[in-house]
Protein backbone atom coordinates (compact mmCIF):
# COMPACT_ATOMS: atom_id res chain seq x y z
CA UNK A 1 31.71 9.80 4.02
CA UNK A 2 28.26 8.68 5.23
CA UNK A 3 28.28 7.62 8.87
CA UNK A 4 25.40 5.18 9.32
CA UNK A 5 24.69 2.96 12.29
CA UNK A 6 22.07 0.24 12.09
CA UNK A 7 20.04 -1.33 14.90
CA UNK A 8 19.75 -4.91 13.61
CA UNK A 9 17.25 -5.85 16.31
CA UNK A 10 14.73 -3.33 14.99
CA UNK A 11 15.30 -4.48 11.40
CA UNK A 12 14.66 -8.08 12.43
CA UNK A 13 11.44 -6.99 14.15
CA UNK A 14 10.50 -5.11 10.97
CA UNK A 15 10.94 -8.33 8.98
CA UNK A 16 8.50 -10.02 11.36
CA UNK A 17 5.70 -7.72 10.17
CA UNK A 18 5.03 -9.56 6.85
CA UNK A 19 5.65 -12.89 8.60
CA UNK A 20 2.96 -12.01 11.16
CA UNK A 21 0.45 -11.11 8.43
CA UNK A 22 1.07 -14.38 6.61
CA UNK A 23 0.74 -16.33 9.86
CA UNK A 24 -2.59 -14.66 10.60
CA UNK A 25 -3.83 -15.47 7.08
CA UNK A 26 -2.78 -19.13 7.36
CA UNK A 27 -4.10 -19.65 10.89
CA UNK A 28 -7.50 -18.11 10.08
CA UNK A 29 -7.74 -20.09 6.82
CA UNK A 30 -6.88 -23.39 8.54
CA UNK A 31 -9.38 -22.62 11.30
CA UNK A 32 -12.06 -21.84 8.70
CA UNK A 33 -11.49 -25.04 6.73
CA UNK A 34 -11.45 -27.05 9.96
CA UNK A 35 -14.78 -25.58 11.04
CA UNK A 36 -16.25 -26.39 7.61
CA UNK A 37 -15.00 -29.97 7.87
CA UNK A 38 -16.50 -30.41 11.34
CA UNK A 39 -19.86 -28.89 10.42
CA UNK A 40 -20.04 -30.39 6.94
CA UNK A 41 -20.42 -26.93 5.39
CA UNK A 42 -19.47 -25.95 1.84
CA UNK A 43 -15.87 -24.76 1.48
CA UNK A 44 -16.36 -22.83 -1.78
CA UNK A 45 -16.34 -19.40 -0.13
CA UNK A 46 -14.11 -20.20 2.85
CA UNK A 47 -11.12 -18.48 1.23
CA UNK A 48 -12.98 -15.19 0.75
CA UNK A 49 -14.44 -15.20 4.26
CA UNK A 50 -11.22 -16.17 6.05
CA UNK A 51 -9.26 -13.60 4.02
CA UNK A 52 -11.74 -10.92 5.09
CA UNK A 53 -11.50 -11.96 8.75
CA UNK A 54 -7.69 -12.12 8.72
CA UNK A 55 -7.37 -8.63 7.21
CA UNK A 56 -9.77 -7.27 9.85
CA UNK A 57 -7.56 -8.82 12.53
CA UNK A 58 -4.49 -7.25 10.90
CA UNK A 59 -6.19 -3.84 10.89
CA UNK A 60 -6.83 -4.07 14.63
CA UNK A 61 -3.36 -5.39 15.47
CA UNK A 62 -1.21 -3.10 13.32
CA UNK A 63 -3.58 -0.16 13.66
CA UNK A 64 -3.18 -0.43 17.42
CA UNK A 65 0.62 -0.66 17.15
CA UNK A 66 0.74 2.32 14.80
CA UNK A 67 -1.50 4.52 16.94
CA UNK A 68 -0.34 3.35 20.37
CA UNK A 69 3.37 4.03 20.11
CA UNK A 70 4.83 7.43 19.39
CA UNK A 71 5.40 7.75 15.69
CA UNK A 72 8.31 9.33 13.86
CA UNK A 73 5.67 11.39 12.09
CA UNK A 74 3.33 14.09 13.35
CA UNK A 75 3.46 17.46 15.02
CA UNK A 76 5.65 18.11 18.01
CA UNK A 77 4.04 19.22 21.25
CA UNK A 78 5.47 22.69 20.73
CA UNK A 79 3.83 22.93 17.31
CA UNK A 80 0.50 21.80 18.75
CA UNK A 81 0.75 24.40 21.54
CA UNK A 82 1.61 27.11 19.06
CA UNK A 83 -1.25 26.14 16.75
CA UNK A 84 -3.63 26.27 19.72
CA UNK A 85 -2.83 29.98 20.20
CA UNK A 86 -3.80 31.01 16.67
CA UNK A 87 -6.56 33.56 16.26
CA UNK A 88 -10.01 32.58 14.99
CA UNK A 89 -9.40 34.42 11.72
CA UNK A 90 -6.16 32.55 11.15
CA UNK A 91 -7.84 29.24 12.04
CA UNK A 92 -10.63 29.91 9.52
CA UNK A 93 -8.14 30.76 6.78
CA UNK A 94 -6.14 27.71 7.72
CA UNK A 95 -9.23 25.50 7.40
CA UNK A 96 -9.98 26.85 3.92
CA UNK A 97 -6.37 26.34 2.88
CA UNK A 98 -6.32 22.84 4.39
CA UNK A 99 -9.50 21.86 2.52
CA UNK A 100 -8.10 23.07 -0.81
CA UNK A 101 -4.79 21.34 -0.08
CA UNK A 102 -6.55 18.08 0.79
CA UNK A 103 -8.67 18.28 -2.37
CA UNK A 104 -5.59 18.82 -4.57
CA UNK A 105 -3.80 15.90 -2.91
CA UNK A 106 -6.94 13.74 -3.34
CA UNK A 107 -7.02 14.44 -7.09
CA UNK A 108 -3.27 13.91 -7.52
CA UNK A 109 -3.34 10.58 -5.66
CA UNK A 110 -6.39 9.45 -7.66
CA UNK A 111 -4.67 10.25 -10.97
CA UNK A 112 -1.41 8.70 -9.71
CA UNK A 113 -3.13 5.44 -8.75
CA UNK A 114 -4.90 5.10 -12.11
CA UNK A 115 -1.70 5.98 -14.00
CA UNK A 116 0.32 3.40 -12.06
CA UNK A 117 -2.33 0.76 -12.70
CA UNK A 118 -2.26 1.48 -16.45
CA UNK A 119 1.53 1.37 -16.36
CA UNK A 120 1.62 -1.99 -14.57
CA UNK A 121 -1.13 -3.51 -16.72
CA UNK A 122 0.51 -2.48 -20.00
CA UNK A 123 3.95 -3.73 -18.95
CA UNK A 124 2.45 -7.09 -17.95
CA UNK A 125 0.59 -7.25 -21.27
CA UNK A 126 3.88 -6.73 -23.12
CA UNK A 127 5.55 -9.46 -21.09
CA UNK A 128 2.57 -11.71 -21.75
CA UNK A 129 2.95 -11.12 -25.50
CA UNK A 130 6.71 -11.75 -25.53
CA UNK A 131 6.95 -14.48 -22.87
CA UNK A 132 3.49 -15.87 -21.98
CA UNK A 133 5.08 -18.74 -20.06
CA UNK A 134 6.38 -16.33 -17.42
CA UNK A 135 2.89 -15.21 -16.40
CA UNK A 136 0.90 -18.44 -16.58
CA UNK A 137 0.76 -19.02 -12.80
CA UNK A 138 0.35 -15.29 -12.17
CA UNK A 139 -2.82 -15.18 -14.30
CA UNK A 140 -4.33 -17.93 -12.18
CA UNK A 141 -3.62 -15.98 -9.01
CA UNK A 142 -5.08 -12.78 -10.50
CA UNK A 143 -8.22 -14.68 -11.48
CA UNK A 144 -8.61 -15.85 -7.88
CA UNK A 145 -8.08 -12.42 -6.33
CA UNK A 146 -8.91 -9.71 -8.87
CA UNK A 147 -11.83 -11.12 -10.86
CA UNK A 148 -15.06 -9.13 -10.73
CA UNK A 149 -16.88 -12.48 -10.44
CA UNK A 150 -15.30 -13.37 -7.11
CA UNK A 151 -18.15 -11.93 -5.06
CA UNK A 152 -18.68 -8.81 -2.98
CA UNK A 153 -16.77 -10.13 0.05
CA UNK A 154 -13.60 -10.76 -1.96
CA UNK A 155 -13.88 -7.43 -3.81
CA UNK A 156 -14.37 -5.45 -0.57
CA UNK A 157 -11.46 -7.32 1.03
CA UNK A 158 -9.08 -6.59 -1.85
CA UNK A 159 -10.21 -3.00 -2.49
CA UNK A 160 -10.75 -1.79 1.10
CA UNK A 161 -9.60 -4.08 3.91
CA UNK A 162 -6.28 -5.23 2.40
CA UNK A 163 -5.01 -1.68 1.69
CA UNK A 164 -5.87 -0.51 5.22
CA UNK A 165 -4.26 -3.54 6.87
CA UNK A 166 -1.13 -3.54 4.71
CA UNK A 167 -0.57 0.21 5.06
CA UNK A 168 -0.91 0.08 8.84
CA UNK A 169 1.56 -2.81 8.78
CA UNK A 170 4.15 -1.65 6.22
CA UNK A 171 3.88 2.16 6.02
CA UNK A 172 2.88 2.41 9.66
CA UNK A 173 4.54 -0.07 12.01
CA UNK A 174 7.34 -1.35 9.73
CA UNK A 175 8.32 2.06 8.36
CA UNK A 176 8.42 3.53 11.84
CA UNK A 177 10.57 0.69 13.17
CA UNK A 178 13.01 0.64 10.27
CA UNK A 179 13.39 4.44 10.23
CA UNK A 180 14.36 4.36 13.90
CA UNK A 181 16.82 1.54 13.16
CA UNK A 182 19.03 3.76 10.99
CA UNK A 183 21.14 6.49 12.59
CA UNK A 184 21.70 8.57 9.49
CA UNK A 185 20.45 11.69 7.73
CA UNK A 186 19.11 9.28 5.08
CA UNK A 187 17.18 7.17 7.61
CA UNK A 188 13.84 7.85 5.91
CA UNK A 189 15.20 6.81 2.51
CA UNK A 190 16.71 3.60 3.89
CA UNK A 191 13.45 2.83 5.72
CA UNK A 192 11.36 3.37 2.57
CA UNK A 193 13.60 1.04 0.54
CA UNK A 194 13.79 -1.62 3.25
CA UNK A 195 10.03 -1.74 3.84
CA UNK A 196 9.39 -1.70 0.06
CA UNK A 197 11.47 -4.86 -0.32
CA UNK A 198 9.66 -6.44 2.65
CA UNK A 199 6.40 -5.52 0.93
CA UNK A 200 7.60 -7.16 -2.29
CA UNK A 201 8.67 -10.39 -0.58
CA UNK A 202 5.36 -10.48 1.30
CA UNK A 203 3.47 -10.99 -1.99
CA UNK A 204 5.27 -14.30 -2.52
CA UNK A 205 5.92 -14.38 -6.27
CA UNK A 206 8.41 -12.77 -8.64
CA UNK A 207 5.83 -10.95 -10.79
CA UNK A 208 4.14 -9.20 -7.89
CA UNK A 209 7.53 -8.58 -6.28
CA UNK A 210 8.64 -6.63 -9.37
CA UNK A 211 5.77 -4.17 -9.18
CA UNK A 212 5.17 -4.26 -5.42
CA UNK A 213 8.65 -2.89 -4.64
CA UNK A 214 8.23 0.29 -6.76
CA UNK A 215 4.68 0.65 -5.39
CA UNK A 216 6.06 0.25 -1.86
CA UNK A 217 8.60 3.02 -2.50
CA UNK A 218 5.88 5.38 -3.73
CA UNK A 219 3.59 4.51 -0.81
CA UNK A 220 6.47 5.00 1.62
CA UNK A 221 7.23 8.42 0.15
CA UNK A 222 3.61 9.46 0.65
CA UNK A 223 3.71 8.31 4.27
CA UNK A 224 6.95 10.21 4.97
CA UNK A 225 5.91 13.39 3.15
CA UNK A 226 2.45 13.54 4.70
CA UNK A 227 3.30 12.26 8.16
CA UNK A 228 0.33 9.89 7.97
CA UNK A 229 -0.73 6.55 6.52
CA UNK A 230 -4.00 8.03 5.19
CA UNK A 231 -2.62 9.11 1.76
CA UNK A 232 -0.88 5.76 1.26
CA UNK A 233 -4.07 3.90 2.24
CA UNK A 234 -6.04 5.91 -0.32
CA UNK A 235 -3.47 5.31 -3.08
CA UNK A 236 -3.38 1.59 -2.23
CA UNK A 237 -7.19 1.47 -2.45
CA UNK A 238 -7.13 3.20 -5.85
CA UNK A 239 -4.51 0.76 -7.13
CA UNK A 240 -6.41 -2.33 -5.98
CA UNK A 241 -9.87 -1.11 -6.98
CA UNK A 242 -8.79 0.14 -10.42
CA UNK A 243 -7.27 -3.26 -11.22
CA UNK A 244 -10.81 -4.67 -11.48
CA UNK A 245 -11.62 -2.18 -14.25
CA UNK A 246 -8.34 -1.51 -16.03
CA UNK A 247 -7.42 -5.19 -16.05
CA UNK A 248 -10.47 -5.95 -18.19
CA UNK A 249 -9.85 -3.25 -20.81
CA UNK A 250 -8.77 -4.62 -24.19
CA UNK A 251 -5.82 -2.35 -24.97
CA UNK A 252 -4.51 -2.68 -28.54
CA UNK A 253 -0.90 -3.84 -28.75
CA UNK A 254 0.01 -0.81 -30.86
CA UNK A 255 -0.99 1.49 -27.99
CA UNK A 256 0.90 -0.25 -25.18
CA UNK A 257 4.19 1.65 -25.54
CA UNK A 258 2.40 4.99 -25.83
CA UNK A 259 0.34 4.33 -22.71
CA UNK A 260 3.44 3.21 -20.77
CA UNK A 261 5.33 6.41 -21.64
CA UNK A 262 2.30 8.61 -20.90
CA UNK A 263 1.65 6.83 -17.59
CA UNK A 264 5.29 7.26 -16.57
CA UNK A 265 5.25 11.01 -17.23
CA UNK A 266 1.85 11.44 -15.57
CA UNK A 267 2.93 9.44 -12.50
CA UNK A 268 6.14 11.49 -12.19
CA UNK A 269 4.16 14.73 -12.52
CA UNK A 270 1.69 13.62 -9.83
CA UNK A 271 4.49 12.62 -7.45
CA UNK A 272 6.19 15.98 -8.01
CA UNK A 273 2.91 17.78 -7.38
CA UNK A 274 2.22 15.82 -4.19
CA UNK A 275 5.74 16.49 -2.91
CA UNK A 276 5.40 20.23 -3.59
CA UNK A 277 2.00 20.42 -1.86
CA UNK A 278 3.33 18.70 1.26
CA UNK A 279 6.64 20.56 1.34
């Protein structure tokens, strides 16, 4: 029998993370449109600029929270003391091993991100073929956010700033809080699932919810395995940036199922490889 105790207060605070991000977005956007109204300026690019500013604010806020308070990740003081006593020869060998390890993880995460983007794109294409009515509003949102014609500010926001802010928020602050809320040997698993669902609801529509939850689980696993938000930030960047390229590729309908199966196997292989490197 699994004996699990839950601190509801911490879970409620965890749920406030996506609410806080959305509030920041809305407040900055309203302030931007108000300033444009008062100054008589054009409002065509206000959405891109305010989105950029709000994500920068989120990076500072959640980055501070993640770095300020003691995390459930990281080396213990005893480990740090022990590592400080290593010989120069051992340190040099450790640096070489760490560089190779980091390079392998970099390649695996890069391949994983591209595979997941192909998987998501092909599944959405199949849905679009079978039930185009389900994705009509989603296509409009994608055009606003993930079009290459949206300008450099929007592209940099989506590909760089948003992943950093959201990973500090969800795989940093929220994951830390929710993991400490569960008194169980499966606390990390519960925290990954809980924050993944929060991540899905944060996106605000059923289509993005369906692929944001699995993505949140994968990103949470990377954060737990690595003890850092850096790998999840990199994977998130690869996912968002690759959508600008992969989303424009004309994939023949006859190849969709083959690509989906290949992407699934490749993604599973990359996750297995990343787990083995970290463990």
